């Protein structure tokens, strides 16, 4: 019996000594080790920066002459029977230009989720112009023939625009991919012209020969103005932190403006920039 008890005591002492010499910690009693929360790069706070890029714009002039022609021919047989104001004289034009600008914003951060608001300004020179004409021969219900000529032109110049947008991003280490959506507004120089001429050929009235044709018109006008334009923007990008305060940026943005004077415009821009967190 004594030999058995001594053997158990010796085994317990050997096990305790082995545990003390082990290279890794052993949990004893109620001792616990808590794992700390993951560390995220902090994007929170006010920031600002500069940027440069290039953009392309589609300016649609197909509806620009409509209002002028509809008003000029509002009491005429031409408009009443043939809707001359809806004839497709003009179409759309693509243009592109470089841009420079800046941005300022504020981020708030919840672990790896970053939400913010940002103002973005761009100076550019997007300009497009189109001029064309359309000839159609139409005959009214009472037999009068009109050889109708429509001349139209339109132009648009966007010199600068800005966006106010909300951002949502994911903090992946020093990378912040983000999506954005907001309002867009700017100033544009607009011009449109439309004139309608017609050669009238009256019908013959037997037994009398038809009278000689005669010309009427032109009807129309020219309009130009500097206008405030507005719409919405959407896009996405990537911020890359170089230090705790300095970051680089690359982004894509789509902007669509509401029609003004019958002219519709949208633009797509790609930009790179550098910013500082304050």
C-alpha atoms as a PDB file:
ATOM      1  CA  UNK A   1       0.000   0.000   0.000  1.00  0.00           C
ATOM      2  CA  UNK A   2       2.827   2.359   0.897  1.00  0.00           C
ATOM      3  CA  UNK A   3       4.498   1.661  -2.436  1.00  0.00           C
ATOM      4  CA  UNK A   4       1.275   2.613  -4.340  1.00  0.00           C
ATOM      5  CA  UNK A   5       0.841   5.879  -2.437  1.00  0.00           C
ATOM      6  CA  UNK A   6       4.449   6.844  -3.017  1.00  0.00           C
ATOM      7  CA  UNK A   7       4.070   6.104  -6.708  1.00  0.00           C
ATOM      8  CA  UNK A   8       1.056   8.392  -7.042  1.00  0.00           C
ATOM      9  CA  UNK A   9       2.864  11.216  -5.228  1.00  0.00           C
ATOM     10  CA  UNK A  10       5.891  10.861  -7.496  1.00  0.00           C
ATOM     11  CA  UNK A  11       3.700  10.957 -10.638  1.00  0.00           C
ATOM     12  CA  UNK A  12       1.967  14.134  -9.453  1.00  0.00           C
ATOM     13  CA  UNK A  13       5.279  15.874  -8.762  1.00  0.00           C
ATOM     14  CA  UNK A  14       6.661  14.916 -12.185  1.00  0.00           C
ATOM     15  CA  UNK A  15       3.541  16.261 -13.942  1.00  0.00           C
ATOM     16  CA  UNK A  16       3.712  19.563 -12.059  1.00  0.00           C
ATOM     17  CA  UNK A  17       7.386  20.018 -12.899  1.00  0.00           C
ATOM     18  CA  UNK A  18       6.746  19.282 -16.566  1.00  0.00           C
ATOM     19  CA  UNK A  19       3.964  21.867 -16.713  1.00  0.00           C
ATOM     20  CA  UNK A  20       6.173  24.490 -15.144  1.00  0.00           C
ATOM     21  CA  UNK A  21       8.849  23.932 -17.799  1.00  0.00           C
ATOM     22  CA  UNK A  22       6.394  23.963 -20.751  1.00  0.00           C
ATOM     23  CA  UNK A  23       7.009  26.708 -23.416  1.00  0.00           C
ATOM     24  CA  UNK A  24       3.343  27.678 -23.585  1.00  0.00           C
ATOM     25  CA  UNK A  25       0.968  29.038 -20.908  1.00  0.00           C
ATOM     26  CA  UNK A  26      -1.393  26.652 -19.147  1.00  0.00           C
ATOM     27  CA  UNK A  27      -4.790  27.775 -17.928  1.00  0.00           C
ATOM     28  CA  UNK A  28      -5.178  27.225 -14.215  1.00  0.00           C
ATOM     29  CA  UNK A  29      -8.222  27.700 -12.085  1.00  0.00           C
ATOM     30  CA  UNK A  30     -10.352  30.676 -13.166  1.00  0.00           C
ATOM     31  CA  UNK A  31      -7.612  32.491 -15.126  1.00  0.00           C
ATOM     32  CA  UNK A  32      -8.782  33.542 -18.672  1.00  0.00           C
ATOM     33  CA  UNK A  33      -7.188  35.364 -21.601  1.00  0.00           C
ATOM     34  CA  UNK A  34      -9.425  37.857 -23.508  1.00  0.00           C
ATOM     35  CA  UNK A  35      -8.901  38.551 -27.208  1.00  0.00           C
ATOM     36  CA  UNK A  36      -8.896  42.300 -27.904  1.00  0.00           C
ATOM     37  CA  UNK A  37     -11.086  43.917 -30.619  1.00  0.00           C
ATOM     38  CA  UNK A  38      -9.617  44.056 -34.138  1.00  0.00           C
ATOM     39  CA  UNK A  39      -7.773  47.258 -35.001  1.00  0.00           C
ATOM     40  CA  UNK A  40      -9.034  49.247 -38.021  1.00  0.00           C
ATOM     41  CA  UNK A  41      -7.335  52.117 -39.804  1.00  0.00           C
ATOM     42  CA  UNK A  42      -9.147  55.274 -38.787  1.00  0.00           C
ATOM     43  CA  UNK A  43     -10.786  57.231 -41.608  1.00  0.00           C
ATOM     44  CA  UNK A  44     -12.945  59.285 -39.287  1.00  0.00           C
ATOM     45  CA  UNK A  45     -12.832  63.072 -39.347  1.00  0.00           C
ATOM     46  CA  UNK A  46     -12.638  66.049 -41.690  1.00  0.00           C
ATOM     47  CA  UNK A  47     -10.597  65.756 -44.884  1.00  0.00           C
ATOM     48  CA  UNK A  48      -9.937  67.672 -48.093  1.00  0.00           C
ATOM     49  CA  UNK A  49      -7.852  67.490 -51.237  1.00  0.00           C
ATOM     50  CA  UNK A  50      -7.277  68.265 -54.900  1.00  0.00           C
ATOM     51  CA  UNK A  51      -8.017  66.227 -58.017  1.00  0.00           C
ATOM     52  CA  UNK A  52      -7.653  66.109 -61.796  1.00  0.00           C
ATOM     53  CA  UNK A  53      -9.167  63.950 -64.499  1.00  0.00           C
ATOM     54  CA  UNK A  54     -11.029  63.769 -67.765  1.00  0.00           C
ATOM     55  CA  UNK A  55     -14.670  63.437 -68.690  1.00  0.00           C
ATOM     56  CA  UNK A  56     -16.945  62.808 -71.628  1.00  0.00           C
ATOM     57  CA  UNK A  57     -20.410  64.292 -72.049  1.00  0.00           C
ATOM     58  CA  UNK A  58     -23.370  63.417 -74.245  1.00  0.00           C
ATOM     59  CA  UNK A  59     -25.467  66.481 -75.119  1.00  0.00           C
ATOM     60  CA  UNK A  60     -28.804  65.697 -76.724  1.00  0.00           C
ATOM     61  CA  UNK A  61     -30.244  68.546 -78.853  1.00  0.00           C
ATOM     62  CA  UNK A  62     -33.140  66.595 -80.408  1.00  0.00           C
ATOM     63  CA  UNK A  63     -35.778  68.530 -78.455  1.00  0.00           C
ATOM     64  CA  UNK A  64     -34.067  71.918 -78.457  1.00  0.00           C
ATOM     65  CA  UNK A  65     -35.970  73.434 -81.469  1.00  0.00           C
ATOM     66  CA  UNK A  66     -39.372  72.051 -80.460  1.00  0.00           C
ATOM     67  CA  UNK A  67     -40.649  74.876 -78.264  1.00  0.00           C
ATOM     68  CA  UNK A  68     -39.557  77.599 -80.694  1.00  0.00           C
ATOM     69  CA  UNK A  69     -41.235  75.946 -83.683  1.00  0.00           C
ATOM     70  CA  UNK A  70     -44.406  75.061 -81.749  1.00  0.00           C
ATOM     71  CA  UNK A  71     -44.791  78.686 -80.665  1.00  0.00           C
ATOM     72  CA  UNK A  72     -44.005  80.115 -84.112  1.00  0.00           C
ATOM     73  CA  UNK A  73     -46.483  77.804 -85.895  1.00  0.00           C
ATOM     74  CA  UNK A  74     -49.087  77.643 -83.110  1.00  0.00           C
ATOM     75  CA  UNK A  75     -51.941  78.859 -85.332  1.00  0.00           C
ATOM     76  CA  UNK A  76     -50.806  77.347 -88.634  1.00  0.00           C
ATOM     77  CA  UNK A  77     -52.086  74.414 -90.660  1.00  0.00           C
ATOM     78  CA  UNK A  78     -48.535  73.054 -90.832  1.00  0.00           C
ATOM     79  CA  UNK A  79     -48.351  72.539 -87.081  1.00  0.00           C
ATOM     80  CA  UNK A  80     -51.967  71.513 -86.704  1.00  0.00           C
ATOM     81  CA  UNK A  81     -51.833  68.742 -89.321  1.00  0.00           C
ATOM     82  CA  UNK A  82     -48.156  67.755 -89.459  1.00  0.00           C
ATOM     83  CA  UNK A  83     -46.607  68.569 -86.041  1.00  0.00           C
ATOM     84  CA  UNK A  84     -43.578  70.278 -87.546  1.00  0.00           C
ATOM     85  CA  UNK A  85     -42.271  71.035 -84.049  1.00  0.00           C
ATOM     86  CA  UNK A  86     -41.687  67.292 -83.523  1.00  0.00           C
ATOM     87  CA  UNK A  87     -39.681  66.677 -86.687  1.00  0.00           C
ATOM     88  CA  UNK A  88     -36.227  65.176 -85.912  1.00  0.00           C
ATOM     89  CA  UNK A  89     -33.898  67.918 -87.099  1.00  0.00           C
ATOM     90  CA  UNK A  90     -31.150  67.621 -84.477  1.00  0.00           C
ATOM     91  CA  UNK A  91     -29.662  64.681 -82.540  1.00  0.00           C
ATOM     92  CA  UNK A  92     -26.967  64.201 -79.868  1.00  0.00           C
ATOM     93  CA  UNK A  93     -23.255  65.032 -79.783  1.00  0.00           C
ATOM     94  CA  UNK A  94     -20.425  63.591 -77.648  1.00  0.00           C
ATOM     95  CA  UNK A  95     -17.656  65.807 -76.331  1.00  0.00           C
ATOM     96  CA  UNK A  96     -14.767  65.397 -73.879  1.00  0.00           C
ATOM     97  CA  UNK A  97     -12.482  67.608 -71.814  1.00  0.00           C
ATOM     98  CA  UNK A  98     -10.029  67.549 -68.911  1.00  0.00           C
ATOM     99  CA  UNK A  99     -10.956  68.825 -65.459  1.00  0.00           C
ATOM    100  CA  UNK A 100      -9.322  70.044 -62.245  1.00  0.00           C
ATOM    101  CA  UNK A 101     -10.903  70.630 -58.876  1.00  0.00           C
ATOM    102  CA  UNK A 102     -11.053  69.783 -55.221  1.00  0.00           C
ATOM    103  CA  UNK A 103     -13.084  68.078 -52.529  1.00  0.00           C
ATOM    104  CA  UNK A 104     -13.862  68.395 -48.822  1.00  0.00           C
ATOM    105  CA  UNK A 105     -15.817  66.061 -46.600  1.00  0.00           C
ATOM    106  CA  UNK A 106     -16.381  64.364 -43.269  1.00  0.00           C
ATOM    107  CA  UNK A 107     -16.308  60.649 -42.368  1.00  0.00           C
ATOM    108  CA  UNK A 108     -17.724  58.817 -39.394  1.00  0.00           C
ATOM    109  CA  UNK A 109     -16.632  55.237 -38.734  1.00  0.00           C
ATOM    110  CA  UNK A 110     -18.259  52.196 -37.124  1.00  0.00           C
ATOM    111  CA  UNK A 111     -15.541  49.504 -36.920  1.00  0.00           C
ATOM    112  CA  UNK A 112     -14.923  48.722 -40.629  1.00  0.00           C
ATOM    113  CA  UNK A 113     -17.930  50.685 -41.974  1.00  0.00           C
ATOM    114  CA  UNK A 114     -17.264  54.275 -43.038  1.00  0.00           C
ATOM    115  CA  UNK A 115     -20.096  56.714 -43.774  1.00  0.00           C
ATOM    116  CA  UNK A 116     -19.655  60.299 -44.853  1.00  0.00           C
ATOM    117  CA  UNK A 117     -20.722  63.346 -46.804  1.00  0.00           C
ATOM    118  CA  UNK A 118     -18.593  65.173 -49.357  1.00  0.00           C
ATOM    119  CA  UNK A 119     -18.640  68.260 -51.556  1.00  0.00           C
ATOM    120  CA  UNK A 120     -16.834  67.966 -54.893  1.00  0.00           C
ATOM    121  CA  UNK A 121     -16.038  70.743 -57.403  1.00  0.00           C
ATOM    122  CA  UNK A 122     -14.685  70.448 -60.967  1.00  0.00           C
ATOM    123  CA  UNK A 123     -13.580  73.088 -63.458  1.00  0.00           C
ATOM    124  CA  UNK A 124     -13.854  71.922 -67.062  1.00  0.00           C
ATOM    125  CA  UNK A 125     -14.831  73.019 -70.587  1.00  0.00           C
ATOM    126  CA  UNK A 126     -17.379  70.640 -72.114  1.00  0.00           C
ATOM    127  CA  UNK A 127     -18.732  72.193 -75.312  1.00  0.00           C
ATOM    128  CA  UNK A 128     -20.882  70.816 -78.122  1.00  0.00           C
ATOM    129  CA  UNK A 129     -22.804  72.379 -81.014  1.00  0.00           C
ATOM    130  CA  UNK A 130     -24.958  71.014 -83.809  1.00  0.00           C
ATOM    131  CA  UNK A 131     -26.704  72.590 -86.803  1.00  0.00           C
ATOM    132  CA  UNK A 132     -28.838  70.839 -89.402  1.00  0.00           C
ATOM    133  CA  UNK A 133     -31.850  71.201 -91.674  1.00  0.00           C
ATOM    134  CA  UNK A 134     -34.759  69.051 -92.813  1.00  0.00           C
ATOM    135  CA  UNK A 135     -36.945  69.323 -95.932  1.00  0.00           C
ATOM    136  CA  UNK A 136     -40.334  67.666 -96.265  1.00  0.00           C
ATOM    137  CA  UNK A 137     -43.128  68.054 -98.795  1.00  0.00           C
ATOM    138  CA  UNK A 138     -46.567  67.787 -97.236  1.00  0.00           C
ATOM    139  CA  UNK A 139     -50.075  68.270 -98.580  1.00  0.00           C
ATOM    140  CA  UNK A 140     -52.908  69.510 -96.410  1.00  0.00           C
ATOM    141  CA  UNK A 141     -56.412  68.120 -96.324  1.00  0.00           C
ATOM    142  CA  UNK A 142     -57.629  70.874 -98.683  1.00  0.00           C
ATOM    143  CA  UNK A 143     -54.929  70.081-101.266  1.00  0.00           C
ATOM    144  CA  UNK A 144     -52.378  72.822-100.510  1.00  0.00           C
ATOM    145  CA  UNK A 145     -48.783  71.602-100.881  1.00  0.00           C
ATOM    146  CA  UNK A 146     -46.050  72.928 -98.614  1.00  0.00           C
ATOM    147  CA  UNK A 147     -42.370  72.426 -99.491  1.00  0.00           C
ATOM    148  CA  UNK A 148     -41.225  72.886 -95.898  1.00  0.00           C
ATOM    149  CA  UNK A 149     -37.664  73.661 -94.767  1.00  0.00           C
ATOM    150  CA  UNK A 150     -36.668  73.594 -91.094  1.00  0.00           C
ATOM    151  CA  UNK A 151     -33.278  75.019 -90.073  1.00  0.00           C
ATOM    152  CA  UNK A 152     -32.142  74.483 -86.479  1.00  0.00           C
ATOM    153  CA  UNK A 153     -29.045  74.707 -84.319  1.00  0.00           C
ATOM    154  CA  UNK A 154     -28.195  74.334 -80.644  1.00  0.00           C
ATOM    155  CA  UNK A 155     -25.161  74.473 -78.404  1.00  0.00           C
ATOM    156  CA  UNK A 156     -24.198  73.904 -74.784  1.00  0.00           C
ATOM    157  CA  UNK A 157     -21.083  74.784 -72.791  1.00  0.00           C
ATOM    158  CA  UNK A 158     -20.529  73.467 -69.253  1.00  0.00           C
ATOM    159  CA  UNK A 159     -17.707  75.343 -67.579  1.00  0.00           C
ATOM    160  CA  UNK A 160     -17.940  74.041 -64.026  1.00  0.00           C
ATOM    161  CA  UNK A 161     -20.090  71.759 -61.900  1.00  0.00           C
ATOM    162  CA  UNK A 162     -20.227  70.451 -58.361  1.00  0.00           C
ATOM    163  CA  UNK A 163     -21.737  67.524 -56.499  1.00  0.00           C
ATOM    164  CA  UNK A 164     -22.898  67.069 -52.909  1.00  0.00           C
ATOM    165  CA  UNK A 165     -22.917  63.345 -52.216  1.00  0.00           C
ATOM    166  CA  UNK A 166     -23.239  60.749 -49.489  1.00  0.00           C
ATOM    167  CA  UNK A 167     -20.534  58.068 -49.268  1.00  0.00           C
ATOM    168  CA  UNK A 168     -20.480  54.551 -47.845  1.00  0.00           C
ATOM    169  CA  UNK A 169     -17.209  52.621 -47.648  1.00  0.00           C
ATOM    170  CA  UNK A 170     -15.491  49.596 -46.152  1.00  0.00           C
ATOM    171  CA  UNK A 171     -12.214  50.008 -44.274  1.00  0.00           C
ATOM    172  CA  UNK A 172      -9.986  47.186 -45.511  1.00  0.00           C
ATOM    173  CA  UNK A 173      -6.685  48.024 -43.860  1.00  0.00           C
ATOM    174  CA  UNK A 174      -5.340  51.131 -45.563  1.00  0.00           C
ATOM    175  CA  UNK A 175      -7.784  50.739 -48.463  1.00  0.00           C
ATOM    176  CA  UNK A 176     -11.223  52.346 -48.484  1.00  0.00           C
ATOM    177  CA  UNK A 177     -13.414  51.292 -51.435  1.00  0.00           C
ATOM    178  CA  UNK A 178     -16.597  53.382 -51.479  1.00  0.00           C
ATOM    179  CA  UNK A 179     -19.837  54.051 -53.325  1.00  0.00           C
ATOM    180  CA  UNK A 180     -21.472  57.468 -53.582  1.00  0.00           C
ATOM    181  CA  UNK A 181     -24.725  59.125 -54.624  1.00  0.00           C
ATOM    182  CA  UNK A 182     -25.939  62.697 -54.419  1.00  0.00           C
ATOM    183  CA  UNK A 183     -27.003  65.919 -56.098  1.00  0.00           C
ATOM    184  CA  UNK A 184     -25.238  67.693 -58.974  1.00  0.00           C
ATOM    185  CA  UNK A 185     -25.450  71.321 -60.032  1.00  0.00           C
ATOM    186  CA  UNK A 186     -23.550  73.775 -62.208  1.00  0.00           C
ATOM    187  CA  UNK A 187     -23.712  76.577 -64.753  1.00  0.00           C
ATOM    188  CA  UNK A 188     -24.047  76.259 -68.525  1.00  0.00           C
ATOM    189  CA  UNK A 189     -24.219  78.556 -71.546  1.00  0.00           C
ATOM    190  CA  UNK A 190     -27.111  77.489 -73.803  1.00  0.00           C
ATOM    191  CA  UNK A 191     -28.210  78.573 -77.272  1.00  0.00           C
ATOM    192  CA  UNK A 192     -30.872  77.346 -79.696  1.00  0.00           C
ATOM    193  CA  UNK A 193     -32.203  78.560 -83.039  1.00  0.00           C
ATOM    194  CA  UNK A 194     -35.073  77.332 -85.217  1.00  0.00           C
ATOM    195  CA  UNK A 195     -36.633  78.787 -88.390  1.00  0.00           C
ATOM    196  CA  UNK A 196     -39.264  77.376 -90.736  1.00  0.00           C
ATOM    197  CA  UNK A 197     -39.709  78.408 -94.397  1.00  0.00           C
ATOM    198  CA  UNK A 198     -42.244  77.012 -96.815  1.00  0.00           C
ATOM    199  CA  UNK A 199     -43.034  77.274-100.520  1.00  0.00           C
ATOM    200  CA  UNK A 200     -46.806  77.080-100.928  1.00  0.00           C
ATOM    201  CA  UNK A 201     -48.252  75.531-104.069  1.00  0.00           C
ATOM    202  CA  UNK A 202     -52.038  76.065-104.120  1.00  0.00           C
ATOM    203  CA  UNK A 203     -54.171  73.395-105.791  1.00  0.00           C
ATOM    204  CA  UNK A 204     -55.684  73.876-109.253  1.00  0.00           C
ATOM    205  CA  UNK A 205     -59.329  74.888-109.332  1.00  0.00           C
ATOM    206  CA  UNK A 206     -60.843  73.715-112.628  1.00  0.00           C
ATOM    207  CA  UNK A 207     -61.307  75.215-115.088  1.00  0.00           C
ATOM    208  CA  UNK A 208     -58.719  77.701-113.812  1.00  0.00           C
ATOM    209  CA  UNK A 209     -54.986  76.771-113.770  1.00  0.00           C
ATOM    210  CA  UNK A 210     -53.228  76.700-110.363  1.00  0.00           C
ATOM    211  CA  UNK A 211     -51.851  80.025-109.178  1.00  0.00           C
ATOM    212  CA  UNK A 212     -48.057  80.346-109.024  1.00  0.00           C
ATOM    213  CA  UNK A 213     -46.309  79.112-105.879  1.00  0.00           C
ATOM    214  CA  UNK A 214     -45.245  81.653-103.269  1.00  0.00           C
ATOM    215  CA  UNK A 215     -42.994  81.607-100.234  1.00  0.00           C
ATOM    216  CA  UNK A 216     -44.043  82.175 -96.636  1.00  0.00           C
ATOM    217  CA  UNK A 217     -41.918  82.551 -93.517  1.00  0.00           C
ATOM    218  CA  UNK A 218     -39.486  82.395 -92.049  1.00  0.00           C
ATOM    219  CA  UNK A 219     -41.038  81.691 -88.657  1.00  0.00           C
ATOM    220  CA  UNK A 220     -38.817  81.142 -85.660  1.00  0.00           C
ATOM    221  CA  UNK A 221     -36.421  82.722 -83.210  1.00  0.00           C
ATOM    222  CA  UNK A 222     -33.026  82.524 -81.545  1.00  0.00           C
ATOM    223  CA  UNK A 223     -32.651  82.087 -77.793  1.00  0.00           C
ATOM    224  CA  UNK A 224     -29.555  82.077 -75.601  1.00  0.00           C
ATOM    225  CA  UNK A 225     -28.894  82.315 -71.873  1.00  0.00           C
ATOM    226  CA  UNK A 226     -26.663  81.288 -68.990  1.00  0.00           C
ATOM    227  CA  UNK A 227     -28.603  78.775 -66.932  1.00  0.00           C
ATOM    228  CA  UNK A 228     -28.333  76.955 -63.628  1.00  0.00           C
ATOM    229  CA  UNK A 229     -28.364  73.193 -64.266  1.00  0.00           C
ATOM    230  CA  UNK A 230     -29.016  70.457 -61.720  1.00  0.00           C
ATOM    231  CA  UNK A 231     -29.451  66.696 -61.489  1.00  0.00           C
ATOM    232  CA  UNK A 232     -28.017  63.689 -59.685  1.00  0.00           C
ATOM    233  CA  UNK A 233     -24.672  61.882 -59.475  1.00  0.00           C
ATOM    234  CA  UNK A 234     -23.572  58.330 -58.668  1.00  0.00           C
ATOM    235  CA  UNK A 235     -20.323  56.406 -58.752  1.00  0.00           C
ATOM    236  CA  UNK A 236     -17.561  54.812 -56.737  1.00  0.00           C
ATOM    237  CA  UNK A 237     -13.877  54.950 -55.966  1.00  0.00           C
ATOM    238  CA  UNK A 238     -10.956  53.911 -53.794  1.00  0.00           C
ATOM    239  CA  UNK A 239      -8.994  55.869 -51.169  1.00  0.00           C
ATOM    240  CA  UNK A 240      -5.528  54.546 -50.252  1.00  0.00           C
ATOM    241  CA  UNK A 241      -3.846  55.765 -47.049  1.00  0.00           C
ATOM    242  CA  UNK A 242      -0.128  56.494 -47.385  1.00  0.00           C
ATOM    243  CA  UNK A 243       0.221  57.729 -43.801  1.00  0.00           C
ATOM    244  CA  UNK A 244      -2.197  58.350 -40.946  1.00  0.00           C
ATOM    245  CA  UNK A 245      -3.124  61.675 -42.585  1.00  0.00           C
ATOM    246  CA  UNK A 246      -2.280  61.541 -46.327  1.00  0.00           C
ATOM    247  CA  UNK A 247      -4.211  59.456 -48.851  1.00  0.00           C
ATOM    248  CA  UNK A 248      -4.529  59.001 -52.606  1.00  0.00           C
ATOM    249  CA  UNK A 249      -7.787  58.618 -54.517  1.00  0.00           C
ATOM    250  CA  UNK A 250      -9.164  57.255 -57.777  1.00  0.00           C
ATOM    251  CA  UNK A 251     -12.845  57.451 -58.694  1.00  0.00           C
ATOM    252  CA  UNK A 252     -15.518  57.273 -61.399  1.00  0.00           C
ATOM    253  CA  UNK A 253     -18.632  59.473 -61.420  1.00  0.00           C
ATOM    254  CA  UNK A 254     -21.771  59.636 -63.581  1.00  0.00           C
ATOM    255  CA  UNK A 255     -23.822  62.848 -63.639  1.00  0.00           C
ATOM    256  CA  UNK A 256     -27.188  63.388 -65.303  1.00  0.00           C
ATOM    257  CA  UNK A 257     -28.670  66.880 -65.577  1.00  0.00           C
ATOM    258  CA  UNK A 258     -32.335  67.781 -65.988  1.00  0.00           C
ATOM    259  CA  UNK A 259     -33.222  69.234 -69.421  1.00  0.00           C
ATOM    260  CA  UNK A 260     -32.930  72.989 -69.917  1.00  0.00           C
ATOM    261  CA  UNK A 261     -34.255  74.705 -73.083  1.00  0.00           C
ATOM    262  CA  UNK A 262     -34.947  71.209 -74.403  1.00  0.00           C
ATOM    263  CA  UNK A 263     -31.260  70.232 -74.130  1.00  0.00           C
ATOM    264  CA  UNK A 264     -30.365  67.103 -72.145  1.00  0.00           C
ATOM    265  CA  UNK A 265     -26.848  66.415 -70.902  1.00  0.00           C
ATOM    266  CA  UNK A 266     -25.057  63.741 -68.944  1.00  0.00           C
ATOM    267  CA  UNK A 267     -21.373  63.212 -68.270  1.00  0.00           C
ATOM    268  CA  UNK A 268     -18.962  60.527 -67.093  1.00  0.00           C
ATOM    269  CA  UNK A 269     -15.702  61.433 -65.399  1.00  0.00           C
ATOM    270  CA  UNK A 270     -12.640  59.563 -64.116  1.00  0.00           C
ATOM    271  CA  UNK A 271     -10.384  61.344 -61.639  1.00  0.00           C
ATOM    272  CA  UNK A 272      -7.303  60.863 -59.457  1.00  0.00           C
ATOM    273  CA  UNK A 273      -6.517  62.975 -56.436  1.00  0.00           C
ATOM    274  CA  UNK A 274      -4.636  63.394 -53.162  1.00  0.00           C
ATOM    275  CA  UNK A 275      -6.084  64.368 -49.809  1.00  0.00           C
ATOM    276  CA  UNK A 276      -5.246  65.155 -46.185  1.00  0.00           C
ATOM    277  CA  UNK A 277      -7.143  64.205 -43.012  1.00  0.00           C
ATOM    278  CA  UNK A 278      -7.281  67.065 -40.523  1.00  0.00           C
END
